[in-house]
Every structure is written in C-alpha cells, then in structure tokens.
mmCIF file of all heavy atoms, coordinates in Angstrom:
data_MODEL
# 
_entry.id   MODEL 
# 
loop_
_atom_site.group_PDB 
_atom_site.id 
_atom_site.type_symbol 
_atom_site.label_atom_id 
_atom_site.label_alt_id 
_atom_site.label_comp_id 
_atom_site.label_asym_id 
_atom_site.label_entity_id 
_atom_site.label_seq_id 
_atom_site.pdbx_PDB_ins_code 
_atom_site.Cartn_x 
_atom_site.Cartn_y 
_atom_site.Cartn_z 
_atom_site.occupancy 
_atom_site.B_iso_or_equiv 
_atom_site.pdbx_formal_charge 
_atom_site.auth_seq_id 
_atom_site.auth_comp_id 
_atom_site.auth_asym_id 
_atom_site.auth_atom_id 
_atom_site.pdbx_PDB_model_num 
ATOM 1   N N   . ASP A 1 1  ? 15.083  -3.141  -0.398  1.00 0.00 ? 1  ASP A N   1 
ATOM 2   C CA  . ASP A 1 1  ? 15.423  -3.977  -1.515  1.00 0.00 ? 1  ASP A CA  1 
ATOM 3   C C   . ASP A 1 1  ? 14.244  -4.824  -1.894  1.00 0.00 ? 1  ASP A C   1 
ATOM 4   O O   . ASP A 1 1  ? 13.824  -4.859  -3.076  1.00 0.00 ? 1  ASP A O   1 
ATOM 5   C CB  . ASP A 1 1  ? 16.632  -4.833  -1.197  1.00 0.00 ? 1  ASP A CB  1 
ATOM 6   C CG  . ASP A 1 1  ? 17.195  -5.605  -2.422  1.00 0.00 ? 1  ASP A CG  1 
ATOM 7   O OD1 . ASP A 1 1  ? 16.393  -6.188  -3.139  1.00 0.00 ? 1  ASP A OD1 1 
ATOM 8   O OD2 . ASP A 1 1  ? 18.409  -5.663  -2.588  1.00 0.00 ? 1  ASP A OD2 1 
ATOM 9   N N   . TYR A 1 2  ? 13.682  -5.537  -0.974  1.00 0.00 ? 2  TYR A N   1 
ATOM 10  C CA  . TYR A 1 2  ? 12.602  -6.501  -1.259  1.00 0.00 ? 2  TYR A CA  1 
ATOM 11  C C   . TYR A 1 2  ? 11.290  -5.825  -1.659  1.00 0.00 ? 2  TYR A C   1 
ATOM 12  O O   . TYR A 1 2  ? 10.610  -6.281  -2.517  1.00 0.00 ? 2  TYR A O   1 
ATOM 13  C CB  . TYR A 1 2  ? 12.303  -7.394  -0.027  1.00 0.00 ? 2  TYR A CB  1 
ATOM 14  C CG  . TYR A 1 2  ? 11.348  -8.496  -0.266  1.00 0.00 ? 2  TYR A CG  1 
ATOM 15  C CD1 . TYR A 1 2  ? 11.796  -9.718  -0.809  1.00 0.00 ? 2  TYR A CD1 1 
ATOM 16  C CD2 . TYR A 1 2  ? 9.979   -8.362  -0.105  1.00 0.00 ? 2  TYR A CD2 1 
ATOM 17  C CE1 . TYR A 1 2  ? 10.860  -10.744 -1.111  1.00 0.00 ? 2  TYR A CE1 1 
ATOM 18  C CE2 . TYR A 1 2  ? 9.100   -9.373  -0.395  1.00 0.00 ? 2  TYR A CE2 1 
ATOM 19  C CZ  . TYR A 1 2  ? 9.565   -10.555 -0.846  1.00 0.00 ? 2  TYR A CZ  1 
ATOM 20  O OH  . TYR A 1 2  ? 8.699   -11.550 -1.164  1.00 0.00 ? 2  TYR A OH  1 
ATOM 21  N N   . HIS A 1 3  ? 10.982  -4.676  -1.017  1.00 0.00 ? 3  HIS A N   1 
ATOM 22  C CA  . HIS A 1 3  ? 9.717   -3.959  -1.300  1.00 0.00 ? 3  HIS A CA  1 
ATOM 23  C C   . HIS A 1 3  ? 9.892   -2.859  -2.346  1.00 0.00 ? 3  HIS A C   1 
ATOM 24  O O   . HIS A 1 3  ? 9.231   -1.797  -2.322  1.00 0.00 ? 3  HIS A O   1 
ATOM 25  C CB  . HIS A 1 3  ? 9.120   -3.480  0.021   1.00 0.00 ? 3  HIS A CB  1 
ATOM 26  C CG  . HIS A 1 3  ? 8.662   -4.595  0.894   1.00 0.00 ? 3  HIS A CG  1 
ATOM 27  N ND1 . HIS A 1 3  ? 7.500   -5.252  0.710   1.00 0.00 ? 3  HIS A ND1 1 
ATOM 28  C CD2 . HIS A 1 3  ? 9.259   -5.130  1.985   1.00 0.00 ? 3  HIS A CD2 1 
ATOM 29  C CE1 . HIS A 1 3  ? 7.350   -6.176  1.626   1.00 0.00 ? 3  HIS A CE1 1 
ATOM 30  N NE2 . HIS A 1 3  ? 8.364   -6.087  2.404   1.00 0.00 ? 3  HIS A NE2 1 
ATOM 31  N N   . GLU A 1 4  ? 10.861  -3.071  -3.234  1.00 0.00 ? 4  GLU A N   1 
ATOM 32  C CA  . GLU A 1 4  ? 11.019  -2.226  -4.410  1.00 0.00 ? 4  GLU A CA  1 
ATOM 33  C C   . GLU A 1 4  ? 11.151  -0.709  -4.073  1.00 0.00 ? 4  GLU A C   1 
ATOM 34  O O   . GLU A 1 4  ? 10.400  0.115   -4.577  1.00 0.00 ? 4  GLU A O   1 
ATOM 35  C CB  . GLU A 1 4  ? 9.795   -2.377  -5.336  1.00 0.00 ? 4  GLU A CB  1 
ATOM 36  C CG  . GLU A 1 4  ? 9.584   -3.849  -5.792  1.00 0.00 ? 4  GLU A CG  1 
ATOM 37  C CD  . GLU A 1 4  ? 10.674  -4.377  -6.653  1.00 0.00 ? 4  GLU A CD  1 
ATOM 38  O OE1 . GLU A 1 4  ? 11.399  -3.526  -7.339  1.00 0.00 ? 4  GLU A OE1 1 
ATOM 39  O OE2 . GLU A 1 4  ? 10.930  -5.585  -6.766  1.00 0.00 ? 4  GLU A OE2 1 
ATOM 40  N N   . GLY A 1 5  ? 12.132  -0.382  -3.252  1.00 0.00 ? 5  GLY A N   1 
ATOM 41  C CA  . GLY A 1 5  ? 12.439  0.991   -3.009  1.00 0.00 ? 5  GLY A CA  1 
ATOM 42  C C   . GLY A 1 5  ? 11.700  1.671   -1.864  1.00 0.00 ? 5  GLY A C   1 
ATOM 43  O O   . GLY A 1 5  ? 11.609  2.914   -1.841  1.00 0.00 ? 5  GLY A O   1 
ATOM 44  N N   . PHE A 1 6  ? 11.111  0.891   -0.950  1.00 0.00 ? 6  PHE A N   1 
ATOM 45  C CA  . PHE A 1 6  ? 10.425  1.538   0.231   1.00 0.00 ? 6  PHE A CA  1 
ATOM 46  C C   . PHE A 1 6  ? 11.497  1.983   1.198   1.00 0.00 ? 6  PHE A C   1 
ATOM 47  O O   . PHE A 1 6  ? 12.008  1.247   1.962   1.00 0.00 ? 6  PHE A O   1 
ATOM 48  C CB  . PHE A 1 6  ? 9.476   0.485   0.875   1.00 0.00 ? 6  PHE A CB  1 
ATOM 49  C CG  . PHE A 1 6  ? 8.579   1.110   1.920   1.00 0.00 ? 6  PHE A CG  1 
ATOM 50  C CD1 . PHE A 1 6  ? 7.373   1.734   1.577   1.00 0.00 ? 6  PHE A CD1 1 
ATOM 51  C CD2 . PHE A 1 6  ? 8.973   1.053   3.277   1.00 0.00 ? 6  PHE A CD2 1 
ATOM 52  C CE1 . PHE A 1 6  ? 6.537   2.296   2.547   1.00 0.00 ? 6  PHE A CE1 1 
ATOM 53  C CE2 . PHE A 1 6  ? 8.169   1.658   4.242   1.00 0.00 ? 6  PHE A CE2 1 
ATOM 54  C CZ  . PHE A 1 6  ? 7.018   2.240   3.902   1.00 0.00 ? 6  PHE A CZ  1 
ATOM 55  N N   . LYS A 1 7  ? 11.808  3.252   1.137   1.00 0.00 ? 7  LYS A N   1 
ATOM 56  C CA  . LYS A 1 7  ? 12.931  3.876   1.904   1.00 0.00 ? 7  LYS A CA  1 
ATOM 57  C C   . LYS A 1 7  ? 12.600  4.069   3.363   1.00 0.00 ? 7  LYS A C   1 
ATOM 58  O O   . LYS A 1 7  ? 11.429  4.140   3.706   1.00 0.00 ? 7  LYS A O   1 
ATOM 59  C CB  . LYS A 1 7  ? 13.376  5.167   1.227   1.00 0.00 ? 7  LYS A CB  1 
ATOM 60  C CG  . LYS A 1 7  ? 13.809  5.035   -0.233  1.00 0.00 ? 7  LYS A CG  1 
ATOM 61  C CD  . LYS A 1 7  ? 14.224  6.350   -0.817  1.00 0.00 ? 7  LYS A CD  1 
ATOM 62  C CE  . LYS A 1 7  ? 13.101  7.295   -1.038  1.00 0.00 ? 7  LYS A CE  1 
ATOM 63  N NZ  . LYS A 1 7  ? 12.115  6.877   -1.931  1.00 0.00 ? 7  LYS A NZ  1 
ATOM 64  N N   . PRO A 1 8  ? 13.622  4.235   4.194   1.00 0.00 ? 8  PRO A N   1 
ATOM 65  C CA  . PRO A 1 8  ? 13.418  4.507   5.628   1.00 0.00 ? 8  PRO A CA  1 
ATOM 66  C C   . PRO A 1 8  ? 12.598  5.778   5.853   1.00 0.00 ? 8  PRO A C   1 
ATOM 67  O O   . PRO A 1 8  ? 11.933  5.925   6.896   1.00 0.00 ? 8  PRO A O   1 
ATOM 68  C CB  . PRO A 1 8  ? 14.786  4.649   6.184   1.00 0.00 ? 8  PRO A CB  1 
ATOM 69  C CG  . PRO A 1 8  ? 15.686  3.855   5.250   1.00 0.00 ? 8  PRO A CG  1 
ATOM 70  C CD  . PRO A 1 8  ? 15.059  3.998   3.927   1.00 0.00 ? 8  PRO A CD  1 
ATOM 71  N N   . THR A 1 9  ? 12.566  6.642   4.874   1.00 0.00 ? 9  THR A N   1 
ATOM 72  C CA  . THR A 1 9  ? 11.825  7.896   5.033   1.00 0.00 ? 9  THR A CA  1 
ATOM 73  C C   . THR A 1 9  ? 10.391  7.773   4.565   1.00 0.00 ? 9  THR A C   1 
ATOM 74  O O   . THR A 1 9  ? 9.559   8.672   4.758   1.00 0.00 ? 9  THR A O   1 
ATOM 75  C CB  . THR A 1 9  ? 12.515  9.035   4.235   1.00 0.00 ? 9  THR A CB  1 
ATOM 76  O OG1 . THR A 1 9  ? 12.671  8.611   2.901   1.00 0.00 ? 9  THR A OG1 1 
ATOM 77  C CG2 . THR A 1 9  ? 13.869  9.373   4.843   1.00 0.00 ? 9  THR A CG2 1 
ATOM 78  N N   . ASP A 1 10 ? 10.047  6.657   3.891   1.00 0.00 ? 10 ASP A N   1 
ATOM 79  C CA  . ASP A 1 10 ? 8.681   6.441   3.419   1.00 0.00 ? 10 ASP A CA  1 
ATOM 80  C C   . ASP A 1 10 ? 7.797   5.999   4.566   1.00 0.00 ? 10 ASP A C   1 
ATOM 81  O O   . ASP A 1 10 ? 8.249   5.491   5.621   1.00 0.00 ? 10 ASP A O   1 
ATOM 82  C CB  . ASP A 1 10 ? 8.655   5.360   2.348   1.00 0.00 ? 10 ASP A CB  1 
ATOM 83  C CG  . ASP A 1 10 ? 9.326   5.849   1.076   1.00 0.00 ? 10 ASP A CG  1 
ATOM 84  O OD1 . ASP A 1 10 ? 9.367   7.092   0.920   1.00 0.00 ? 10 ASP A OD1 1 
ATOM 85  O OD2 . ASP A 1 10 ? 9.840   5.010   0.280   1.00 0.00 ? 10 ASP A OD2 1 
ATOM 86  N N   . LYS A 1 11 ? 6.521   6.199   4.394   1.00 0.00 ? 11 LYS A N   1 
ATOM 87  C CA  . LYS A 1 11 ? 5.523   5.847   5.453   1.00 0.00 ? 11 LYS A CA  1 
ATOM 88  C C   . LYS A 1 11 ? 4.382   5.036   4.825   1.00 0.00 ? 11 LYS A C   1 
ATOM 89  O O   . LYS A 1 11 ? 3.755   5.420   3.844   1.00 0.00 ? 11 LYS A O   1 
ATOM 90  C CB  . LYS A 1 11 ? 4.980   7.061   6.106   1.00 0.00 ? 11 LYS A CB  1 
ATOM 91  C CG  . LYS A 1 11 ? 4.140   6.759   7.408   1.00 0.00 ? 11 LYS A CG  1 
ATOM 92  C CD  . LYS A 1 11 ? 3.788   8.068   8.134   1.00 0.00 ? 11 LYS A CD  1 
ATOM 93  C CE  . LYS A 1 11 ? 2.952   7.693   9.343   1.00 0.00 ? 11 LYS A CE  1 
ATOM 94  N NZ  . LYS A 1 11 ? 2.523   8.929   10.088  1.00 0.00 ? 11 LYS A NZ  1 
ATOM 95  N N   . HIS A 1 12 ? 4.043   3.925   5.451   1.00 0.00 ? 12 HIS A N   1 
ATOM 96  C CA  . HIS A 1 12 ? 2.901   3.064   4.945   1.00 0.00 ? 12 HIS A CA  1 
ATOM 97  C C   . HIS A 1 12 ? 1.591   3.853   5.179   1.00 0.00 ? 12 HIS A C   1 
ATOM 98  O O   . HIS A 1 12 ? 1.407   4.464   6.212   1.00 0.00 ? 12 HIS A O   1 
ATOM 99  C CB  . HIS A 1 12 ? 2.919   1.758   5.659   1.00 0.00 ? 12 HIS A CB  1 
ATOM 100 C CG  . HIS A 1 12 ? 1.908   0.798   5.140   1.00 0.00 ? 12 HIS A CG  1 
ATOM 101 N ND1 . HIS A 1 12 ? 2.038   0.150   3.931   1.00 0.00 ? 12 HIS A ND1 1 
ATOM 102 C CD2 . HIS A 1 12 ? 0.743   0.346   5.650   1.00 0.00 ? 12 HIS A CD2 1 
ATOM 103 C CE1 . HIS A 1 12 ? 1.019   -0.627  3.699   1.00 0.00 ? 12 HIS A CE1 1 
ATOM 104 N NE2 . HIS A 1 12 ? 0.190   -0.511  4.782   1.00 0.00 ? 12 HIS A NE2 1 
ATOM 105 N N   . PRO A 1 13 ? 0.698   3.750   4.203   1.00 0.00 ? 13 PRO A N   1 
ATOM 106 C CA  . PRO A 1 13 ? -0.618  4.536   4.345   1.00 0.00 ? 13 PRO A CA  1 
ATOM 107 C C   . PRO A 1 13 ? -1.512  3.875   5.379   1.00 0.00 ? 13 PRO A C   1 
ATOM 108 O O   . PRO A 1 13 ? -1.323  2.675   5.692   1.00 0.00 ? 13 PRO A O   1 
ATOM 109 C CB  . PRO A 1 13 ? -1.174  4.410   2.929   1.00 0.00 ? 13 PRO A CB  1 
ATOM 110 C CG  . PRO A 1 13 ? -0.559  3.164   2.371   1.00 0.00 ? 13 PRO A CG  1 
ATOM 111 C CD  . PRO A 1 13 ? 0.859   3.138   2.886   1.00 0.00 ? 13 PRO A CD  1 
ATOM 112 N N   . PRO A 1 14 ? -2.565  4.521   5.816   1.00 0.00 ? 14 PRO A N   1 
ATOM 113 C CA  . PRO A 1 14 ? -3.503  3.995   6.708   1.00 0.00 ? 14 PRO A CA  1 
ATOM 114 C C   . PRO A 1 14 ? -4.255  2.794   6.167   1.00 0.00 ? 14 PRO A C   1 
ATOM 115 O O   . PRO A 1 14 ? -4.369  2.667   4.910   1.00 0.00 ? 14 PRO A O   1 
ATOM 116 C CB  . PRO A 1 14 ? -4.483  5.144   7.011   1.00 0.00 ? 14 PRO A CB  1 
ATOM 117 C CG  . PRO A 1 14 ? -3.672  6.394   6.639   1.00 0.00 ? 14 PRO A CG  1 
ATOM 118 C CD  . PRO A 1 14 ? -2.800  5.927   5.523   1.00 0.00 ? 14 PRO A CD  1 
ATOM 119 N N   . THR A 1 15 ? -4.819  1.955   6.991   1.00 0.00 ? 15 THR A N   1 
ATOM 120 C CA  . THR A 1 15 ? -5.571  0.756   6.497   1.00 0.00 ? 15 THR A CA  1 
ATOM 121 C C   . THR A 1 15 ? -6.745  1.163   5.708   1.00 0.00 ? 15 THR A C   1 
ATOM 122 O O   . THR A 1 15 ? -7.550  2.087   6.074   1.00 0.00 ? 15 THR A O   1 
ATOM 123 C CB  . THR A 1 15 ? -6.059  -0.085  7.723   1.00 0.00 ? 15 THR A CB  1 
ATOM 124 O OG1 . THR A 1 15 ? -4.932  -0.504  8.475   1.00 0.00 ? 15 THR A OG1 1 
ATOM 125 C CG2 . THR A 1 15 ? -6.798  -1.309  7.273   1.00 0.00 ? 15 THR A CG2 1 
ATOM 126 N N   . ASP A 1 16 ? -6.976  0.587   4.532   1.00 0.00 ? 16 ASP A N   1 
ATOM 127 C CA  . ASP A 1 16 ? -8.124  0.816   3.684   1.00 0.00 ? 16 ASP A CA  1 
ATOM 128 C C   . ASP A 1 16 ? -8.318  -0.372  2.785   1.00 0.00 ? 16 ASP A C   1 
ATOM 129 O O   . ASP A 1 16 ? -7.567  -0.622  1.839   1.00 0.00 ? 16 ASP A O   1 
ATOM 130 C CB  . ASP A 1 16 ? -7.833  2.086   2.879   1.00 0.00 ? 16 ASP A CB  1 
ATOM 131 C CG  . ASP A 1 16 ? -8.999  2.429   1.961   1.00 0.00 ? 16 ASP A CG  1 
ATOM 132 O OD1 . ASP A 1 16 ? -10.097 1.795   2.058   1.00 0.00 ? 16 ASP A OD1 1 
ATOM 133 O OD2 . ASP A 1 16 ? -8.799  3.265   0.989   1.00 0.00 ? 16 ASP A OD2 1 
ATOM 134 N N   . PHE A 1 17 ? -9.348  -1.175  3.096   1.00 0.00 ? 17 PHE A N   1 
ATOM 135 C CA  . PHE A 1 17 ? -9.658  -2.364  2.309   1.00 0.00 ? 17 PHE A CA  1 
ATOM 136 C C   . PHE A 1 17 ? -10.481 -2.052  1.082   1.00 0.00 ? 17 PHE A C   1 
ATOM 137 O O   . PHE A 1 17 ? -10.749 -2.813  0.263   1.00 0.00 ? 17 PHE A O   1 
ATOM 138 C CB  . PHE A 1 17 ? -10.410 -3.421  3.149   1.00 0.00 ? 17 PHE A CB  1 
ATOM 139 C CG  . PHE A 1 17 ? -9.462  -4.157  4.105   1.00 0.00 ? 17 PHE A CG  1 
ATOM 140 C CD1 . PHE A 1 17 ? -9.415  -3.769  5.406   1.00 0.00 ? 17 PHE A CD1 1 
ATOM 141 C CD2 . PHE A 1 17 ? -8.631  -5.185  3.600   1.00 0.00 ? 17 PHE A CD2 1 
ATOM 142 C CE1 . PHE A 1 17 ? -8.507  -4.471  6.272   1.00 0.00 ? 17 PHE A CE1 1 
ATOM 143 C CE2 . PHE A 1 17 ? -7.742  -5.871  4.469   1.00 0.00 ? 17 PHE A CE2 1 
ATOM 144 C CZ  . PHE A 1 17 ? -7.719  -5.489  5.816   1.00 0.00 ? 17 PHE A CZ  1 
ATOM 145 N N   . GLY A 1 18 ? -10.869 -0.776  0.923   1.00 0.00 ? 18 GLY A N   1 
ATOM 146 C CA  . GLY A 1 18 ? -11.533 -0.312  -0.265  1.00 0.00 ? 18 GLY A CA  1 
ATOM 147 C C   . GLY A 1 18 ? -12.908 -0.807  -0.538  1.00 0.00 ? 18 GLY A C   1 
ATOM 148 O O   . GLY A 1 18 ? -13.503 -1.573  0.305   1.00 0.00 ? 18 GLY A O   1 
ATOM 149 N N   . ASP A 1 19 ? -13.394 -0.592  -1.712  1.00 0.00 ? 19 ASP A N   1 
ATOM 150 C CA  . ASP A 1 19 ? -14.734 -1.088  -2.094  1.00 0.00 ? 19 ASP A CA  1 
ATOM 151 C C   . ASP A 1 19 ? -14.513 -2.274  -2.970  1.00 0.00 ? 19 ASP A C   1 
ATOM 152 O O   . ASP A 1 19 ? -14.115 -2.215  -4.135  1.00 0.00 ? 19 ASP A O   1 
ATOM 153 C CB  . ASP A 1 19 ? -15.482 0.052   -2.928  1.00 0.00 ? 19 ASP A CB  1 
ATOM 154 C CG  . ASP A 1 19 ? -16.848 -0.426  -3.331  1.00 0.00 ? 19 ASP A CG  1 
ATOM 155 O OD1 . ASP A 1 19 ? -17.309 -1.528  -3.012  1.00 0.00 ? 19 ASP A OD1 1 
ATOM 156 O OD2 . ASP A 1 19 ? -17.482 0.354   -4.097  1.00 0.00 ? 19 ASP A OD2 1 
ATOM 157 N N   . ILE A 1 20 ? -14.920 -3.475  -2.498  1.00 0.00 ? 20 ILE A N   1 
ATOM 158 C CA  . ILE A 1 20 ? -14.636 -4.692  -3.221  1.00 0.00 ? 20 ILE A CA  1 
ATOM 159 C C   . ILE A 1 20 ? -15.535 -4.811  -4.481  1.00 0.00 ? 20 ILE A C   1 
ATOM 160 O O   . ILE A 1 20 ? -15.218 -5.566  -5.406  1.00 0.00 ? 20 ILE A O   1 
ATOM 161 C CB  . ILE A 1 20 ? -14.901 -5.992  -2.332  1.00 0.00 ? 20 ILE A CB  1 
ATOM 162 C CG1 . ILE A 1 20 ? -16.433 -5.999  -1.891  1.00 0.00 ? 20 ILE A CG1 1 
ATOM 163 C CG2 . ILE A 1 20 ? -13.989 -6.019  -1.120  1.00 0.00 ? 20 ILE A CG2 1 
ATOM 164 C CD1 . ILE A 1 20 ? -16.805 -7.288  -1.188  1.00 0.00 ? 20 ILE A CD1 1 
ATOM 165 N N   . ASN A 1 21 ? -16.547 -4.005  -4.516  1.00 0.00 ? 21 ASN A N   1 
ATOM 166 C CA  . ASN A 1 21 ? -17.397 -4.005  -5.715  1.00 0.00 ? 21 ASN A CA  1 
ATOM 167 C C   . ASN A 1 21 ? -16.681 -3.448  -6.940  1.00 0.00 ? 21 ASN A C   1 
ATOM 168 O O   . ASN A 1 21 ? -17.191 -3.586  -8.069  1.00 0.00 ? 21 ASN A O   1 
ATOM 169 C CB  . ASN A 1 21 ? -18.731 -3.224  -5.480  1.00 0.00 ? 21 ASN A CB  1 
ATOM 170 C CG  . ASN A 1 21 ? -19.544 -3.908  -4.411  1.00 0.00 ? 21 ASN A CG  1 
ATOM 171 O OD1 . ASN A 1 21 ? -19.758 -5.140  -4.498  1.00 0.00 ? 21 ASN A OD1 1 
ATOM 172 N ND2 . ASN A 1 21 ? -20.130 -3.118  -3.524  1.00 0.00 ? 21 ASN A ND2 1 
ATOM 173 N N   . THR A 1 22 ? -15.609 -2.782  -6.734  1.00 0.00 ? 22 THR A N   1 
ATOM 174 C CA  . THR A 1 22 ? -14.827 -2.171  -7.843  1.00 0.00 ? 22 THR A CA  1 
ATOM 175 C C   . THR A 1 22 ? -13.872 -3.203  -8.477  1.00 0.00 ? 22 THR A C   1 
ATOM 176 O O   . THR A 1 22 ? -13.251 -2.936  -9.502  1.00 0.00 ? 22 THR A O   1 
ATOM 177 C CB  . THR A 1 22 ? -14.062 -0.911  -7.418  1.00 0.00 ? 22 THR A CB  1 
ATOM 178 O OG1 . THR A 1 22 ? -13.082 -1.330  -6.364  1.00 0.00 ? 22 THR A OG1 1 
ATOM 179 C CG2 . THR A 1 22 ? -14.975 0.127   -6.868  1.00 0.00 ? 22 THR A CG2 1 
ATOM 180 N N   . LEU A 1 23 ? -13.732 -4.356  -7.796  1.00 0.00 ? 23 LEU A N   1 
ATOM 181 C CA  . LEU A 1 23 ? -12.828 -5.406  -8.234  1.00 0.00 ? 23 LEU A CA  1 
ATOM 182 C C   . LEU A 1 23 ? -13.575 -6.266  -9.253  1.00 0.00 ? 23 LEU A C   1 
ATOM 183 O O   . LEU A 1 23 ? -14.750 -6.477  -9.117  1.00 0.00 ? 23 LEU A O   1 
ATOM 184 C CB  . LEU A 1 23 ? -12.304 -6.240  -7.104  1.00 0.00 ? 23 LEU A CB  1 
ATOM 185 C CG  . LEU A 1 23 ? -11.535 -5.461  -6.035  1.00 0.00 ? 23 LEU A CG  1 
ATOM 186 C CD1 . LEU A 1 23 ? -11.128 -6.391  -4.868  1.00 0.00 ? 23 LEU A CD1 1 
ATOM 187 C CD2 . LEU A 1 23 ? -10.274 -4.766  -6.592  1.00 0.00 ? 23 LEU A CD2 1 
ATOM 188 N N   . VAL A 1 24 ? -12.804 -6.797  -10.222 1.00 0.00 ? 24 VAL A N   1 
ATOM 189 C CA  . VAL A 1 24 ? -13.476 -7.561  -11.288 1.00 0.00 ? 24 VAL A CA  1 
ATOM 190 C C   . VAL A 1 24 ? -12.943 -9.007  -11.285 1.00 0.00 ? 24 VAL A C   1 
ATOM 191 O O   . VAL A 1 24 ? -11.880 -9.287  -10.726 1.00 0.00 ? 24 VAL A O   1 
ATOM 192 C CB  . VAL A 1 24 ? -13.237 -6.982  -12.681 1.00 0.00 ? 24 VAL A CB  1 
ATOM 193 C CG1 . VAL A 1 24 ? -13.817 -5.550  -12.738 1.00 0.00 ? 24 VAL A CG1 1 
ATOM 194 C CG2 . VAL A 1 24 ? -11.749 -6.954  -13.042 1.00 0.00 ? 24 VAL A CG2 1 
# 
C-alpha cells in the first residue's frame, strides 16, 4: 500500500547509485 503496489512477488533491484554527473 505505502510503496505504491510493491507486491510480495516483486524484488528490489541491486544497489546502484548511478552517475551523479547525469543529475541536474
């Protein structure tokens, strides 16, 4: 409910902080 439809069958993706240079 709180996380907008994250069902028991869903799986959180691996950690990835990405490339901060792409943020504006």
